[in-house]
Amino acid sequence: MLNSMSEIKIVIVDDEPEILKTLKRILEKKDYVVSIYENPVEALNFLKSNPVDLVITDLKMPEMDGILFLMSVKEFYPSVPIILITGYATIATAVTAIQKGAYDYIRKPFDVQKIYGVVEQALASAGH
């Protein structure tokens, strides 16, 4: 049986508190359960013992970049969709992100409807 929307768990990692708050507010409007982290290492520690349905991560962060974070999450949750968001979008980073297992790649500043669309597609691809 598929989870109801209220049981869908999403983790968001970004070193910008305003981005975190905005994404959390946007996604909670759709009744997702959202956990936010400014530090990718803390997020990984949480994820190691708390399975989630979707991860959204920034690409450029001080402690660990989004590609390394993505690869670390994929080690223990290979099927969880991961969406990268960044203000530093280039074709090369987009290609690398997808090759390393990212579901999709969203540029900042992002459009709310784009976020909803990509999140819903990613969840559907994972059977939610």
N, C-alpha and C. Protein backbone atom coordinates (compact mmCIF):
# COMPACT_ATOMS: atom_id res chain seq x y z
N MET A 1 0.84 -1.19 0.00
CA MET A 1 0.00 0.00 0.00
C MET A 1 0.88 1.25 0.00
N LEU A 2 0.53 2.23 -0.77
CA LEU A 2 1.31 3.45 -0.86
C LEU A 2 1.07 4.33 0.36
N ASN A 3 2.09 5.10 0.73
CA ASN A 3 1.94 6.05 1.82
C ASN A 3 0.94 7.13 1.44
N SER A 4 0.22 7.64 2.45
CA SER A 4 -0.59 8.82 2.17
C SER A 4 0.36 10.02 2.12
N MET A 5 -0.11 11.13 1.58
CA MET A 5 0.74 12.31 1.45
C MET A 5 1.33 12.73 2.79
N SER A 6 0.56 12.62 3.89
CA SER A 6 1.05 13.08 5.18
C SER A 6 2.19 12.22 5.71
N GLU A 7 2.38 11.04 5.12
CA GLU A 7 3.47 10.18 5.56
C GLU A 7 4.72 10.33 4.70
N ILE A 8 4.66 11.13 3.66
CA ILE A 8 5.82 11.34 2.80
C ILE A 8 6.83 12.21 3.56
N LYS A 9 8.04 11.67 3.73
CA LYS A 9 9.08 12.38 4.49
C LYS A 9 10.15 12.90 3.53
N ILE A 10 10.45 14.18 3.70
CA ILE A 10 11.43 14.86 2.85
C ILE A 10 12.49 15.50 3.73
N VAL A 11 13.75 15.35 3.35
CA VAL A 11 14.85 16.05 4.02
C VAL A 11 15.40 17.08 3.04
N ILE A 12 15.61 18.30 3.56
CA ILE A 12 16.18 19.38 2.75
C ILE A 12 17.48 19.84 3.41
N VAL A 13 18.53 19.97 2.60
CA VAL A 13 19.83 20.40 3.11
C VAL A 13 20.30 21.60 2.29
N ASP A 14 20.54 22.71 2.98
CA ASP A 14 21.02 23.93 2.32
C ASP A 14 21.68 24.79 3.39
N ASP A 15 22.80 25.41 3.08
CA ASP A 15 23.48 26.24 4.07
C ASP A 15 22.86 27.64 4.20
N GLU A 16 21.82 27.92 3.43
CA GLU A 16 21.12 29.20 3.52
C GLU A 16 19.80 29.01 4.28
N PRO A 17 19.72 29.53 5.52
CA PRO A 17 18.50 29.34 6.33
C PRO A 17 17.22 29.80 5.65
N GLU A 18 17.29 30.89 4.88
CA GLU A 18 16.07 31.39 4.22
C GLU A 18 15.55 30.41 3.16
N ILE A 19 16.46 29.79 2.44
CA ILE A 19 16.07 28.79 1.44
C ILE A 19 15.39 27.62 2.16
N LEU A 20 15.99 27.18 3.26
CA LEU A 20 15.42 26.07 4.03
C LEU A 20 14.00 26.39 4.48
N LYS A 21 13.84 27.57 5.09
CA LYS A 21 12.51 27.96 5.60
C LYS A 21 11.49 28.05 4.47
N THR A 22 11.91 28.63 3.35
CA THR A 22 11.00 28.77 2.21
C THR A 22 10.57 27.41 1.67
N LEU A 23 11.54 26.52 1.43
CA LEU A 23 11.20 25.19 0.91
C LEU A 23 10.34 24.40 1.90
N LYS A 24 10.66 24.50 3.18
CA LYS A 24 9.88 23.80 4.20
C LYS A 24 8.42 24.28 4.16
N ARG A 25 8.24 25.61 4.12
CA ARG A 25 6.88 26.18 4.09
C ARG A 25 6.14 25.74 2.83
N ILE A 26 6.81 25.80 1.68
CA ILE A 26 6.19 25.42 0.41
C ILE A 26 5.73 23.96 0.45
N LEU A 27 6.61 23.07 0.90
CA LEU A 27 6.31 21.63 0.86
C LEU A 27 5.34 21.21 1.96
N GLU A 28 5.35 21.90 3.10
CA GLU A 28 4.39 21.57 4.15
C GLU A 28 2.96 21.95 3.73
N LYS A 29 2.82 22.90 2.81
CA LYS A 29 1.49 23.23 2.28
C LYS A 29 0.87 22.04 1.57
N LYS A 30 1.72 21.13 1.07
CA LYS A 30 1.24 19.91 0.40
C LYS A 30 1.19 18.73 1.37
N ASP A 31 1.32 19.02 2.67
CA ASP A 31 1.24 18.01 3.74
C ASP A 31 2.39 17.01 3.76
N TYR A 32 3.55 17.39 3.22
CA TYR A 32 4.72 16.55 3.36
C TYR A 32 5.32 16.78 4.75
N VAL A 33 5.98 15.77 5.30
CA VAL A 33 6.70 15.90 6.56
C VAL A 33 8.13 16.30 6.20
N VAL A 34 8.54 17.51 6.59
CA VAL A 34 9.80 18.07 6.12
C VAL A 34 10.77 18.29 7.28
N SER A 35 11.99 17.76 7.13
CA SER A 35 13.08 18.03 8.08
C SER A 35 14.12 18.85 7.33
N ILE A 36 14.66 19.88 8.01
CA ILE A 36 15.64 20.75 7.36
C ILE A 36 16.97 20.75 8.11
N TYR A 37 18.04 20.86 7.34
CA TYR A 37 19.40 20.87 7.88
C TYR A 37 20.26 21.88 7.14
N GLU A 38 21.00 22.70 7.90
CA GLU A 38 21.98 23.60 7.30
C GLU A 38 23.29 22.88 7.06
N ASN A 39 23.53 21.80 7.80
CA ASN A 39 24.79 21.10 7.74
C ASN A 39 24.59 19.71 7.14
N PRO A 40 25.24 19.41 6.02
CA PRO A 40 25.04 18.11 5.37
C PRO A 40 25.52 16.92 6.21
N VAL A 41 26.51 17.13 7.06
CA VAL A 41 27.00 16.05 7.91
C VAL A 41 25.91 15.67 8.93
N GLU A 42 25.25 16.67 9.51
CA GLU A 42 24.14 16.41 10.43
C GLU A 42 23.00 15.72 9.70
N ALA A 43 22.73 16.14 8.49
CA ALA A 43 21.66 15.52 7.70
C ALA A 43 21.98 14.05 7.43
N LEU A 44 23.23 13.75 7.09
CA LEU A 44 23.63 12.35 6.86
C LEU A 44 23.46 11.52 8.12
N ASN A 45 23.84 12.07 9.26
CA ASN A 45 23.67 11.35 10.53
C ASN A 45 22.19 11.04 10.78
N PHE A 46 21.32 12.00 10.50
CA PHE A 46 19.88 11.78 10.64
C PHE A 46 19.41 10.70 9.67
N LEU A 47 19.83 10.80 8.42
CA LEU A 47 19.38 9.87 7.39
C LEU A 47 19.82 8.43 7.64
N LYS A 48 20.95 8.25 8.28
CA LYS A 48 21.46 6.90 8.54
C LYS A 48 20.49 6.07 9.38
N SER A 49 19.68 6.75 10.21
CA SER A 49 18.74 6.00 11.05
C SER A 49 17.28 6.40 10.82
N ASN A 50 17.03 7.24 9.83
CA ASN A 50 15.66 7.70 9.54
C ASN A 50 15.41 7.68 8.05
N PRO A 51 14.82 6.60 7.52
CA PRO A 51 14.55 6.55 6.09
C PRO A 51 13.57 7.66 5.67
N VAL A 52 13.79 8.19 4.49
CA VAL A 52 12.92 9.24 3.95
C VAL A 52 12.51 8.87 2.52
N ASP A 53 11.57 9.63 1.98
CA ASP A 53 11.06 9.37 0.64
C ASP A 53 11.73 10.21 -0.43
N LEU A 54 12.35 11.34 -0.01
CA LEU A 54 12.94 12.27 -0.96
C LEU A 54 13.96 13.14 -0.24
N VAL A 55 15.04 13.49 -0.94
CA VAL A 55 16.04 14.41 -0.41
C VAL A 55 16.22 15.55 -1.41
N ILE A 56 16.26 16.77 -0.89
CA ILE A 56 16.56 17.95 -1.70
C ILE A 56 17.82 18.56 -1.10
N THR A 57 18.84 18.78 -1.90
CA THR A 57 20.09 19.33 -1.37
C THR A 57 20.66 20.42 -2.26
N ASP A 58 21.29 21.37 -1.60
CA ASP A 58 22.02 22.41 -2.31
C ASP A 58 23.29 21.79 -2.89
N LEU A 59 23.82 22.41 -3.90
CA LEU A 59 25.06 21.92 -4.51
C LEU A 59 26.29 22.46 -3.78
N LYS A 60 26.31 23.76 -3.52
CA LYS A 60 27.48 24.40 -2.90
C LYS A 60 27.23 24.62 -1.41
N MET A 61 27.95 23.84 -0.58
CA MET A 61 27.85 23.98 0.88
C MET A 61 29.26 23.89 1.45
N PRO A 62 29.52 24.57 2.58
CA PRO A 62 30.88 24.59 3.12
C PRO A 62 31.41 23.22 3.57
N GLU A 63 30.63 22.45 4.30
CA GLU A 63 31.14 21.21 4.88
C GLU A 63 31.32 20.09 3.86
N MET A 64 30.42 20.03 2.88
CA MET A 64 30.40 18.93 1.91
C MET A 64 29.57 19.42 0.73
N ASP A 65 30.05 19.21 -0.50
CA ASP A 65 29.24 19.67 -1.62
C ASP A 65 28.08 18.70 -1.89
N GLY A 66 27.14 19.18 -2.66
CA GLY A 66 25.93 18.41 -2.92
C GLY A 66 26.17 17.09 -3.63
N ILE A 67 27.19 17.03 -4.48
CA ILE A 67 27.50 15.79 -5.21
C ILE A 67 28.01 14.72 -4.23
N LEU A 68 28.93 15.11 -3.35
CA LEU A 68 29.43 14.17 -2.35
C LEU A 68 28.31 13.74 -1.40
N PHE A 69 27.46 14.69 -1.02
CA PHE A 69 26.31 14.37 -0.15
C PHE A 69 25.40 13.36 -0.86
N LEU A 70 25.08 13.64 -2.12
CA LEU A 70 24.24 12.74 -2.93
C LEU A 70 24.84 11.32 -2.96
N MET A 71 26.13 11.24 -3.23
CA MET A 71 26.78 9.93 -3.31
C MET A 71 26.74 9.21 -1.95
N SER A 72 26.88 9.96 -0.87
CA SER A 72 26.83 9.37 0.47
C SER A 72 25.44 8.84 0.78
N VAL A 73 24.40 9.60 0.44
CA VAL A 73 23.02 9.15 0.67
C VAL A 73 22.74 7.91 -0.16
N LYS A 74 23.18 7.89 -1.41
CA LYS A 74 22.93 6.76 -2.31
C LYS A 74 23.58 5.47 -1.81
N GLU A 75 24.64 5.59 -0.99
CA GLU A 75 25.29 4.38 -0.45
C GLU A 75 24.33 3.57 0.41
N PHE A 76 23.50 4.25 1.21
CA PHE A 76 22.58 3.49 2.06
C PHE A 76 21.12 3.57 1.65
N TYR A 77 20.76 4.46 0.74
CA TYR A 77 19.40 4.52 0.18
C TYR A 77 19.50 4.68 -1.33
N PRO A 78 19.89 3.63 -2.05
CA PRO A 78 20.12 3.77 -3.49
C PRO A 78 18.89 4.18 -4.29
N SER A 79 17.69 3.91 -3.79
CA SER A 79 16.50 4.21 -4.59
C SER A 79 15.80 5.52 -4.20
N VAL A 80 16.29 6.23 -3.20
CA VAL A 80 15.65 7.48 -2.80
C VAL A 80 15.98 8.57 -3.82
N PRO A 81 14.95 9.23 -4.37
CA PRO A 81 15.24 10.31 -5.33
C PRO A 81 15.88 11.50 -4.62
N ILE A 82 16.86 12.09 -5.26
CA ILE A 82 17.56 13.26 -4.72
C ILE A 82 17.51 14.36 -5.76
N ILE A 83 17.03 15.53 -5.33
CA ILE A 83 16.94 16.70 -6.20
C ILE A 83 18.00 17.69 -5.73
N LEU A 84 18.83 18.15 -6.67
CA LEU A 84 19.84 19.17 -6.36
C LEU A 84 19.30 20.54 -6.72
N ILE A 85 19.56 21.51 -5.83
CA ILE A 85 19.21 22.90 -6.13
C ILE A 85 20.48 23.73 -6.04
N THR A 86 20.61 24.72 -6.91
CA THR A 86 21.81 25.54 -6.88
C THR A 86 21.63 26.87 -7.57
N GLY A 87 22.39 27.82 -7.10
CA GLY A 87 22.48 29.11 -7.77
C GLY A 87 23.66 29.14 -8.73
N TYR A 88 24.42 28.04 -8.77
CA TYR A 88 25.63 27.96 -9.58
C TYR A 88 25.49 26.92 -10.68
N ALA A 89 24.39 26.97 -11.38
CA ALA A 89 24.10 25.94 -12.37
C ALA A 89 24.98 26.07 -13.60
N THR A 90 25.58 24.95 -13.98
CA THR A 90 26.29 24.87 -15.26
C THR A 90 25.90 23.53 -15.88
N ILE A 91 26.10 23.41 -17.16
CA ILE A 91 25.82 22.15 -17.84
C ILE A 91 26.66 21.03 -17.23
N ALA A 92 27.92 21.31 -16.95
CA ALA A 92 28.82 20.28 -16.40
C ALA A 92 28.34 19.77 -15.05
N THR A 93 27.94 20.68 -14.16
CA THR A 93 27.48 20.22 -12.84
C THR A 93 26.16 19.47 -12.96
N ALA A 94 25.30 19.90 -13.87
CA ALA A 94 24.03 19.20 -14.07
C ALA A 94 24.28 17.77 -14.55
N VAL A 95 25.18 17.63 -15.51
CA VAL A 95 25.50 16.31 -16.05
C VAL A 95 26.11 15.43 -14.95
N THR A 96 27.05 15.97 -14.19
CA THR A 96 27.67 15.22 -13.10
C THR A 96 26.62 14.77 -12.08
N ALA A 97 25.73 15.70 -11.70
CA ALA A 97 24.69 15.37 -10.72
C ALA A 97 23.83 14.21 -11.21
N ILE A 98 23.41 14.25 -12.44
CA ILE A 98 22.56 13.18 -12.99
C ILE A 98 23.34 11.87 -13.09
N GLN A 99 24.59 11.95 -13.53
CA GLN A 99 25.43 10.74 -13.62
C GLN A 99 25.63 10.08 -12.26
N LYS A 100 25.69 10.90 -11.20
CA LYS A 100 25.92 10.36 -9.85
C LYS A 100 24.62 9.92 -9.19
N GLY A 101 23.50 10.09 -9.89
CA GLY A 101 22.25 9.55 -9.36
C GLY A 101 21.20 10.56 -8.95
N ALA A 102 21.41 11.84 -9.22
CA ALA A 102 20.38 12.83 -8.89
C ALA A 102 19.15 12.58 -9.75
N TYR A 103 17.98 12.79 -9.18
CA TYR A 103 16.75 12.66 -9.97
C TYR A 103 16.62 13.86 -10.90
N ASP A 104 16.88 15.05 -10.37
CA ASP A 104 16.75 16.27 -11.17
C ASP A 104 17.59 17.36 -10.54
N TYR A 105 17.58 18.52 -11.18
CA TYR A 105 18.46 19.62 -10.88
C TYR A 105 17.64 20.90 -11.07
N ILE A 106 17.54 21.71 -10.02
CA ILE A 106 16.73 22.94 -10.09
C ILE A 106 17.62 24.14 -9.81
N ARG A 107 17.48 25.16 -10.65
CA ARG A 107 18.27 26.39 -10.46
C ARG A 107 17.57 27.34 -9.51
N LYS A 108 18.38 28.04 -8.68
CA LYS A 108 17.87 29.13 -7.85
C LYS A 108 17.97 30.41 -8.67
N PRO A 109 17.09 31.36 -8.51
CA PRO A 109 15.87 31.26 -7.71
C PRO A 109 14.87 30.34 -8.39
N PHE A 110 14.17 29.57 -7.58
CA PHE A 110 13.26 28.58 -8.14
C PHE A 110 11.82 29.05 -8.09
N ASP A 111 11.05 28.50 -8.97
CA ASP A 111 9.62 28.76 -9.07
C ASP A 111 8.88 27.73 -8.23
N VAL A 112 7.92 28.16 -7.45
CA VAL A 112 7.17 27.26 -6.56
C VAL A 112 6.53 26.12 -7.35
N GLN A 113 5.92 26.43 -8.48
CA GLN A 113 5.27 25.38 -9.28
C GLN A 113 6.30 24.38 -9.82
N LYS A 114 7.49 24.86 -10.14
CA LYS A 114 8.57 23.97 -10.60
C LYS A 114 8.95 23.01 -9.46
N ILE A 115 9.07 23.53 -8.25
CA ILE A 115 9.40 22.69 -7.09
C ILE A 115 8.33 21.61 -6.93
N TYR A 116 7.06 22.03 -6.91
CA TYR A 116 5.96 21.05 -6.76
C TYR A 116 6.03 19.98 -7.85
N GLY A 117 6.22 20.41 -9.08
CA GLY A 117 6.24 19.48 -10.21
C GLY A 117 7.36 18.47 -10.11
N VAL A 118 8.58 18.94 -9.82
CA VAL A 118 9.73 18.04 -9.75
C VAL A 118 9.59 17.10 -8.54
N VAL A 119 9.13 17.63 -7.40
CA VAL A 119 8.95 16.79 -6.21
C VAL A 119 7.91 15.70 -6.49
N GLU A 120 6.79 16.07 -7.09
CA GLU A 120 5.74 15.08 -7.39
C GLU A 120 6.23 14.03 -8.38
N GLN A 121 6.99 14.45 -9.41
CA GLN A 121 7.53 13.50 -10.38
C GLN A 121 8.54 12.55 -9.73
N ALA A 122 9.40 13.11 -8.87
CA ALA A 122 10.41 12.30 -8.19
C ALA A 122 9.75 11.25 -7.28
N LEU A 123 8.74 11.69 -6.53
CA LEU A 123 8.02 10.76 -5.65
C LEU A 123 7.30 9.68 -6.45
N ALA A 124 6.69 10.09 -7.56
CA ALA A 124 5.99 9.12 -8.41
C ALA A 124 6.98 8.10 -8.97
N SER A 125 8.17 8.56 -9.33
CA SER A 125 9.18 7.64 -9.88
C SER A 125 9.62 6.61 -8.85
N ALA A 126 9.48 6.96 -7.57
CA ALA A 126 9.87 6.06 -6.49
C ALA A 126 8.67 5.27 -5.96
N GLY A 127 7.54 5.40 -6.62
CA GLY A 127 6.35 4.62 -6.24
C GLY A 127 5.47 5.24 -5.17
N HIS A 128 5.56 6.56 -5.00
CA HIS A 128 4.72 7.24 -4.00
C HIS A 128 3.61 8.02 -4.68
